[in-house]
Amino acid sequence: MNFYTVVIRQISGYWVALCLENGVVGQGKTQEDTVKKLKEAIESLEIVYESESNIYKSPVSIDELHDFYLFKANT
């Protein structure tokens, strides 16, 4: 079982989760739905990563994390 670091926040009525190890994002109307979608996205990335040789994954930088926290959707 893999463990990931996830940051989750609410933006414009939706929840957004960001995986810090690979930059994958999930979004949903509830925290539970968002985490479920993030898990599915990570699983899909892992399948592609194992089958393709030209896939790059990188941890989220501090600057990108800062931008994620400061992002405000235009409403």
PDB file of N, CA and C in Angstrom:
ATOM      1  N   MET A   1       0.847  -1.183   0.000  1.00  0.00           N
ATOM      2  CA  MET A   1       0.000   0.000   0.000  1.00  0.00           C
ATOM      3  C   MET A   1       0.887   1.238   0.000  1.00  0.00           C
ATOM      4  N   ASN A   2       0.572   2.172  -0.910  1.00  0.00           N
ATOM      5  CA  ASN A   2       1.306   3.431  -0.974  1.00  0.00           C
ATOM      6  C   ASN A   2       0.613   4.481  -0.114  1.00  0.00           C
ATOM      7  N   PHE A   3       1.418   5.333   0.467  1.00  0.00           N
ATOM      8  CA  PHE A   3       0.887   6.449   1.239  1.00  0.00           C
ATOM      9  C   PHE A   3       1.272   7.745   0.539  1.00  0.00           C
ATOM     10  N   TYR A   4       0.341   8.685   0.511  1.00  0.00           N
ATOM     11  CA  TYR A   4       0.569   9.957  -0.151  1.00  0.00           C
ATOM     12  C   TYR A   4       0.205  11.099   0.786  1.00  0.00           C
ATOM     13  N   THR A   5       0.851  12.230   0.574  1.00  0.00           N
ATOM     14  CA  THR A   5       0.530  13.446   1.309  1.00  0.00           C
ATOM     15  C   THR A   5      -0.457  14.243   0.468  1.00  0.00           C
ATOM     16  N   VAL A   6      -1.586  14.606   1.069  1.00  0.00           N
ATOM     17  CA  VAL A   6      -2.648  15.277   0.321  1.00  0.00           C
ATOM     18  C   VAL A   6      -3.032  16.566   1.037  1.00  0.00           C
ATOM     19  N   VAL A   7      -3.198  17.614   0.249  1.00  0.00           N
ATOM     20  CA  VAL A   7      -3.708  18.887   0.743  1.00  0.00           C
ATOM     21  C   VAL A   7      -5.104  19.035   0.156  1.00  0.00           C
ATOM     22  N   ILE A   8      -6.077  19.339   0.996  1.00  0.00           N
ATOM     23  CA  ILE A   8      -7.447  19.478   0.526  1.00  0.00           C
ATOM     24  C   ILE A   8      -8.008  20.812   1.000  1.00  0.00           C
ATOM     25  N   ARG A   9      -8.720  21.476   0.092  1.00  0.00           N
ATOM     26  CA  ARG A   9      -9.313  22.764   0.449  1.00  0.00           C
ATOM     27  C   ARG A   9     -10.564  22.990  -0.370  1.00  0.00           C
ATOM     28  N   GLN A  10     -11.370  23.916   0.091  1.00  0.00           N
ATOM     29  CA  GLN A  10     -12.606  24.242  -0.600  1.00  0.00           C
ATOM     30  C   GLN A  10     -12.414  25.509  -1.429  1.00  0.00           C
ATOM     31  N   ILE A  11     -12.829  25.426  -2.692  1.00  0.00           N
ATOM     32  CA  ILE A  11     -12.727  26.551  -3.615  1.00  0.00           C
ATOM     33  C   ILE A  11     -14.058  26.675  -4.353  1.00  0.00           C
ATOM     34  N   SER A  12     -14.718  27.805  -4.195  1.00  0.00           N
ATOM     35  CA  SER A  12     -15.971  28.099  -4.913  1.00  0.00           C
ATOM     36  C   SER A  12     -17.007  26.987  -4.774  1.00  0.00           C
ATOM     37  N   GLY A  13     -17.158  26.468  -3.572  1.00  0.00           N
ATOM     38  CA  GLY A  13     -18.182  25.466  -3.318  1.00  0.00           C
ATOM     39  C   GLY A  13     -17.784  24.034  -3.629  1.00  0.00           C
ATOM     40  N   TYR A  14     -16.605  23.818  -4.184  1.00  0.00           N
ATOM     41  CA  TYR A  14     -16.108  22.472  -4.462  1.00  0.00           C
ATOM     42  C   TYR A  14     -14.881  22.206  -3.615  1.00  0.00           C
ATOM     43  N   TRP A  15     -14.629  20.929  -3.369  1.00  0.00           N
ATOM     44  CA  TRP A  15     -13.419  20.532  -2.663  1.00  0.00           C
ATOM     45  C   TRP A  15     -12.385  20.110  -3.698  1.00  0.00           C
ATOM     46  N   VAL A  16     -11.137  20.484  -3.468  1.00  0.00           N
ATOM     47  CA  VAL A  16     -10.034  20.140  -4.353  1.00  0.00           C
ATOM     48  C   VAL A  16      -8.936  19.516  -3.509  1.00  0.00           C
ATOM     49  N   ALA A  17      -8.435  18.370  -3.957  1.00  0.00           N
ATOM     50  CA  ALA A  17      -7.361  17.672  -3.255  1.00  0.00           C
ATOM     51  C   ALA A  17      -6.148  17.600  -4.176  1.00  0.00           C
ATOM     52  N   LEU A  18      -4.993  17.901  -3.632  1.00  0.00           N
ATOM     53  CA  LEU A  18      -3.733  17.891  -4.372  1.00  0.00           C
ATOM     54  C   LEU A  18      -2.783  16.899  -3.722  1.00  0.00           C
ATOM     55  N   CYS A  19      -2.295  15.946  -4.506  1.00  0.00           N
ATOM     56  CA  CYS A  19      -1.300  14.984  -4.021  1.00  0.00           C
ATOM     57  C   CYS A  19       0.081  15.602  -4.192  1.00  0.00           C
ATOM     58  N   LEU A  20       0.809  15.758  -3.099  1.00  0.00           N
ATOM     59  CA  LEU A  20       2.099  16.445  -3.140  1.00  0.00           C
ATOM     60  C   LEU A  20       3.210  15.621  -3.781  1.00  0.00           C
ATOM     61  N   GLU A  21       3.070  14.305  -3.787  1.00  0.00           N
ATOM     62  CA  GLU A  21       4.128  13.470  -4.350  1.00  0.00           C
ATOM     63  C   GLU A  21       4.153  13.487  -5.876  1.00  0.00           C
ATOM     64  N   ASN A  22       2.990  13.689  -6.512  1.00  0.00           N
ATOM     65  CA  ASN A  22       2.966  13.583  -7.974  1.00  0.00           C
ATOM     66  C   ASN A  22       2.154  14.673  -8.682  1.00  0.00           C
ATOM     67  N   GLY A  23       1.553  15.597  -7.946  1.00  0.00           N
ATOM     68  CA  GLY A  23       0.826  16.702  -8.557  1.00  0.00           C
ATOM     69  C   GLY A  23      -0.549  16.361  -9.087  1.00  0.00           C
ATOM     70  N   VAL A  24      -1.054  15.180  -8.788  1.00  0.00           N
ATOM     71  CA  VAL A  24      -2.382  14.779  -9.248  1.00  0.00           C
ATOM     72  C   VAL A  24      -3.438  15.490  -8.403  1.00  0.00           C
ATOM     73  N   VAL A  25      -4.547  15.873  -9.065  1.00  0.00           N
ATOM     74  CA  VAL A  25      -5.611  16.628  -8.406  1.00  0.00           C
ATOM     75  C   VAL A  25      -6.928  15.883  -8.550  1.00  0.00           C
ATOM     76  N   GLY A  26      -7.752  15.939  -7.491  1.00  0.00           N
ATOM     77  CA  GLY A  26      -9.116  15.427  -7.530  1.00  0.00           C
ATOM     78  C   GLY A  26     -10.059  16.519  -7.071  1.00  0.00           C
ATOM     79  N   GLN A  27     -11.286  16.496  -7.580  1.00  0.00           N
ATOM     80  CA  GLN A  27     -12.268  17.525  -7.227  1.00  0.00           C
ATOM     81  C   GLN A  27     -13.626  16.880  -7.037  1.00  0.00           C
ATOM     82  N   GLY A  28     -14.403  17.399  -6.075  1.00  0.00           N
ATOM     83  CA  GLY A  28     -15.746  16.897  -5.850  1.00  0.00           C
ATOM     84  C   GLY A  28     -16.565  17.849  -5.004  1.00  0.00           C
ATOM     85  N   LYS A  29     -17.829  17.480  -4.804  1.00  0.00           N
ATOM     86  CA  LYS A  29     -18.727  18.325  -4.012  1.00  0.00           C
ATOM     87  C   LYS A  29     -18.573  18.090  -2.515  1.00  0.00           C
ATOM     88  N   THR A  30     -18.028  16.925  -2.131  1.00  0.00           N
ATOM     89  CA  THR A  30     -17.771  16.626  -0.723  1.00  0.00           C
ATOM     90  C   THR A  30     -16.302  16.215  -0.577  1.00  0.00           C
ATOM     91  N   GLN A  31     -15.810  16.279   0.653  1.00  0.00           N
ATOM     92  CA  GLN A  31     -14.429  15.858   0.892  1.00  0.00           C
ATOM     93  C   GLN A  31     -14.245  14.382   0.545  1.00  0.00           C
ATOM     94  N   GLU A  32     -15.226  13.561   0.914  1.00  0.00           N
ATOM     95  CA  GLU A  32     -15.130  12.122   0.656  1.00  0.00           C
ATOM     96  C   GLU A  32     -15.083  11.830  -0.836  1.00  0.00           C
ATOM     97  N   ASP A  33     -15.950  12.494  -1.608  1.00  0.00           N
ATOM     98  CA  ASP A  33     -15.980  12.316  -3.055  1.00  0.00           C
ATOM     99  C   ASP A  33     -14.669  12.777  -3.679  1.00  0.00           C
ATOM    100  N   THR A  34     -14.132  13.861  -3.172  1.00  0.00           N
ATOM    101  CA  THR A  34     -12.883  14.402  -3.687  1.00  0.00           C
ATOM    102  C   THR A  34     -11.727  13.438  -3.456  1.00  0.00           C
ATOM    103  N   VAL A  35     -11.641  12.878  -2.269  1.00  0.00           N
ATOM    104  CA  VAL A  35     -10.567  11.927  -1.953  1.00  0.00           C
ATOM    105  C   VAL A  35     -10.724  10.660  -2.802  1.00  0.00           C
ATOM    106  N   LYS A  36     -11.952  10.213  -2.996  1.00  0.00           N
ATOM    107  CA  LYS A  36     -12.212   9.036  -3.835  1.00  0.00           C
ATOM    108  C   LYS A  36     -11.728   9.291  -5.259  1.00  0.00           C
ATOM    109  N   LYS A  37     -12.054  10.460  -5.810  1.00  0.00           N
ATOM    110  CA  LYS A  37     -11.630  10.794  -7.171  1.00  0.00           C
ATOM    111  C   LYS A  37     -10.118  10.942  -7.259  1.00  0.00           C
ATOM    112  N   LEU A  38      -9.501  11.487  -6.222  1.00  0.00           N
ATOM    113  CA  LEU A  38      -8.043  11.604  -6.208  1.00  0.00           C
ATOM    114  C   LEU A  38      -7.405  10.216  -6.206  1.00  0.00           C
ATOM    115  N   LYS A  39      -7.929   9.300  -5.402  1.00  0.00           N
ATOM    116  CA  LYS A  39      -7.399   7.930  -5.376  1.00  0.00           C
ATOM    117  C   LYS A  39      -7.498   7.288  -6.749  1.00  0.00           C
ATOM    118  N   GLU A  40      -8.634   7.472  -7.423  1.00  0.00           N
ATOM    119  CA  GLU A  40      -8.812   6.919  -8.766  1.00  0.00           C
ATOM    120  C   GLU A  40      -7.803   7.515  -9.744  1.00  0.00           C
ATOM    121  N   ALA A  41      -7.569   8.818  -9.631  1.00  0.00           N
ATOM    122  CA  ALA A  41      -6.609   9.485 -10.520  1.00  0.00           C
ATOM    123  C   ALA A  41      -5.187   8.974 -10.265  1.00  0.00           C
ATOM    124  N   ILE A  42      -4.840   8.780  -9.005  1.00  0.00           N
ATOM    125  CA  ILE A  42      -3.505   8.263  -8.673  1.00  0.00           C
ATOM    126  C   ILE A  42      -3.342   6.844  -9.199  1.00  0.00           C
ATOM    127  N   GLU A  43      -4.377   6.013  -9.037  1.00  0.00           N
ATOM    128  CA  GLU A  43      -4.318   4.648  -9.549  1.00  0.00           C
ATOM    129  C   GLU A  43      -4.143   4.649 -11.064  1.00  0.00           C
ATOM    130  N   SER A  44      -4.849   5.539 -11.761  1.00  0.00           N
ATOM    131  CA  SER A  44      -4.712   5.635 -13.216  1.00  0.00           C
ATOM    132  C   SER A  44      -3.302   6.063 -13.598  1.00  0.00           C
ATOM    133  N   LEU A  45      -2.755   7.030 -12.875  1.00  0.00           N
ATOM    134  CA  LEU A  45      -1.386   7.476 -13.138  1.00  0.00           C
ATOM    135  C   LEU A  45      -0.400   6.329 -12.943  1.00  0.00           C
ATOM    136  N   GLU A  46      -0.574   5.563 -11.892  1.00  0.00           N
ATOM    137  CA  GLU A  46       0.342   4.445 -11.622  1.00  0.00           C
ATOM    138  C   GLU A  46       0.287   3.402 -12.741  1.00  0.00           C
ATOM    139  N   ILE A  47      -0.914   3.124 -13.271  1.00  0.00           N
ATOM    140  CA  ILE A  47      -1.050   2.164 -14.372  1.00  0.00           C
ATOM    141  C   ILE A  47      -0.299   2.672 -15.599  1.00  0.00           C
ATOM    142  N   VAL A  48      -0.500   3.941 -15.927  1.00  0.00           N
ATOM    143  CA  VAL A  48       0.188   4.528 -17.084  1.00  0.00           C
ATOM    144  C   VAL A  48       1.691   4.577 -16.823  1.00  0.00           C
ATOM    145  N   TYR A  49       2.097   4.956 -15.630  1.00  0.00           N
ATOM    146  CA  TYR A  49       3.513   5.069 -15.285  1.00  0.00           C
ATOM    147  C   TYR A  49       4.231   3.726 -15.431  1.00  0.00           C
ATOM    148  N   GLU A  50       3.540   2.644 -15.061  1.00  0.00           N
ATOM    149  CA  GLU A  50       4.146   1.319 -15.162  1.00  0.00           C
ATOM    150  C   GLU A  50       4.219   0.818 -16.609  1.00  0.00           C
ATOM    151  N   SER A  51       3.297   1.262 -17.452  1.00  0.00           N
ATOM    152  CA  SER A  51       3.243   0.745 -18.821  1.00  0.00           C
ATOM    153  C   SER A  51       3.964   1.630 -19.845  1.00  0.00           C
ATOM    154  N   GLU A  52       4.237   2.860 -19.507  1.00  0.00           N
ATOM    155  CA  GLU A  52       4.887   3.788 -20.429  1.00  0.00           C
ATOM    156  C   GLU A  52       6.261   4.180 -19.884  1.00  0.00           C
ATOM    157  N   SER A  53       7.209   4.342 -20.776  1.00  0.00           N
ATOM    158  CA  SER A  53       8.556   4.677 -20.319  1.00  0.00           C
ATOM    159  C   SER A  53       8.829   6.177 -20.337  1.00  0.00           C
ATOM    160  N   ASN A  54       7.963   6.961 -20.966  1.00  0.00           N
ATOM    161  CA  ASN A  54       8.229   8.379 -21.129  1.00  0.00           C
ATOM    162  C   ASN A  54       7.285   9.239 -20.272  1.00  0.00           C
ATOM    163  N   ILE A  55       6.992   8.785 -19.058  1.00  0.00           N
ATOM    164  CA  ILE A  55       6.105   9.511 -18.153  1.00  0.00           C
ATOM    165  C   ILE A  55       6.956  10.133 -17.051  1.00  0.00           C
ATOM    166  N   TYR A  56       6.754  11.410 -16.828  1.00  0.00           N
ATOM    167  CA  TYR A  56       7.507  12.142 -15.807  1.00  0.00           C
ATOM    168  C   TYR A  56       6.565  12.496 -14.670  1.00  0.00           C
ATOM    169  N   LYS A  57       6.940  12.146 -13.465  1.00  0.00           N
ATOM    170  CA  LYS A  57       6.169  12.599 -12.313  1.00  0.00           C
ATOM    171  C   LYS A  57       7.128  13.228 -11.322  1.00  0.00           C
ATOM    172  N   SER A  58       6.645  14.281 -10.702  1.00  0.00           N
ATOM    173  CA  SER A  58       7.507  15.080  -9.852  1.00  0.00           C
ATOM    174  C   SER A  58       6.718  15.585  -8.653  1.00  0.00           C
ATOM    175  N   PRO A  59       7.359  15.679  -7.506  1.00  0.00           N
ATOM    176  CA  PRO A  59       6.678  16.255  -6.347  1.00  0.00           C
ATOM    177  C   PRO A  59       6.306  17.719  -6.598  1.00  0.00           C
ATOM    178  N   VAL A  60       5.274  18.172  -5.914  1.00  0.00           N
ATOM    179  CA  VAL A  60       4.844  19.563  -6.013  1.00  0.00           C
ATOM    180  C   VAL A  60       5.848  20.430  -5.257  1.00  0.00           C
ATOM    181  N   SER A  61       6.264  21.507  -5.898  1.00  0.00           N
ATOM    182  CA  SER A  61       7.231  22.403  -5.253  1.00  0.00           C
ATOM    183  C   SER A  61       6.523  23.288  -4.221  1.00  0.00           C
ATOM    184  N   ILE A  62       7.289  23.895  -3.359  1.00  0.00           N
ATOM    185  CA  ILE A  62       6.738  24.811  -2.358  1.00  0.00           C
ATOM    186  C   ILE A  62       6.017  25.972  -3.041  1.00  0.00           C
ATOM    187  N   ASP A  63       6.577  26.478  -4.139  1.00  0.00           N
ATOM    188  CA  ASP A  63       5.926  27.575  -4.864  1.00  0.00           C
ATOM    189  C   ASP A  63       4.568  27.157  -5.415  1.00  0.00           C
ATOM    190  N   GLU A  64       4.488  25.950  -5.969  1.00  0.00           N
ATOM    191  CA  GLU A  64       3.210  25.458  -6.498  1.00  0.00           C
ATOM    192  C   GLU A  64       2.202  25.250  -5.372  1.00  0.00           C
ATOM    193  N   LEU A  65       2.667  24.750  -4.243  1.00  0.00           N
ATOM    194  CA  LEU A  65       1.779  24.569  -3.093  1.00  0.00           C
ATOM    195  C   LEU A  65       1.271  25.921  -2.610  1.00  0.00           C
ATOM    196  N   HIS A  66       2.128  26.897  -2.563  1.00  0.00           N
ATOM    197  CA  HIS A  66       1.743  28.248  -2.171  1.00  0.00           C
ATOM    198  C   HIS A  66       0.679  28.790  -3.121  1.00  0.00           C
ATOM    199  N   ASP A  67       0.873  28.594  -4.440  1.00  0.00           N
ATOM    200  CA  ASP A  67      -0.115  29.029  -5.434  1.00  0.00           C
ATOM    201  C   ASP A  67      -1.443  28.312  -5.241  1.00  0.00           C
ATOM    202  N   PHE A  68      -1.401  27.018  -4.906  1.00  0.00           N
ATOM    203  CA  PHE A  68      -2.618  26.243  -4.671  1.00  0.00           C
ATOM    204  C   PHE A  68      -3.412  26.824  -3.505  1.00  0.00           C
ATOM    205  N   TYR A  69      -2.720  27.194  -2.449  1.00  0.00           N
ATOM    206  CA  TYR A  69      -3.390  27.779  -1.283  1.00  0.00           C
ATOM    207  C   TYR A  69      -3.946  29.165  -1.571  1.00  0.00           C
ATOM    208  N   LEU A  70      -3.247  29.930  -2.382  1.00  0.00           N
ATOM    209  CA  LEU A  70      -3.665  31.301  -2.639  1.00  0.00           C
ATOM    210  C   LEU A  70      -4.669  31.435  -3.770  1.00  0.00           C
ATOM    211  N   PHE A  71      -4.866  30.370  -4.547  1.00  0.00           N
ATOM    212  CA  PHE A  71      -5.756  30.438  -5.699  1.00  0.00           C
ATOM    213  C   PHE A  71      -7.178  30.788  -5.262  1.00  0.00           C
ATOM    214  N   LYS A  72      -7.748  31.781  -5.918  1.00  0.00           N
ATOM    215  CA  LYS A  72      -9.140  32.167  -5.698  1.00  0.00           C
ATOM    216  C   LYS A  72      -9.842  32.115  -7.039  1.00  0.00           C
ATOM    217  N   ALA A  73     -10.872  31.302  -7.134  1.00  0.00           N
ATOM    218  CA  ALA A  73     -11.616  31.210  -8.391  1.00  0.00           C
ATOM    219  C   ALA A  73     -12.447  32.481  -8.579  1.00  0.00           C
ATOM    220  N   ASN A  74     -12.544  32.925  -9.794  1.00  0.00           N
ATOM    221  CA  ASN A  74     -13.373  34.085 -10.101  1.00  0.00           C
ATOM    222  C   ASN A  74     -14.835  33.673 -10.081  1.00  0.00           C
ATOM    223  N   THR A  75     -15.602  34.276  -9.176  1.00  0.00           N
ATOM    224  CA  THR A  75     -17.029  33.944  -9.081  1.00  0.00           C
ATOM    225  C   THR A  75     -17.864  35.179  -9.244  1.00  0.00           C
TER     226      THR A  75
END
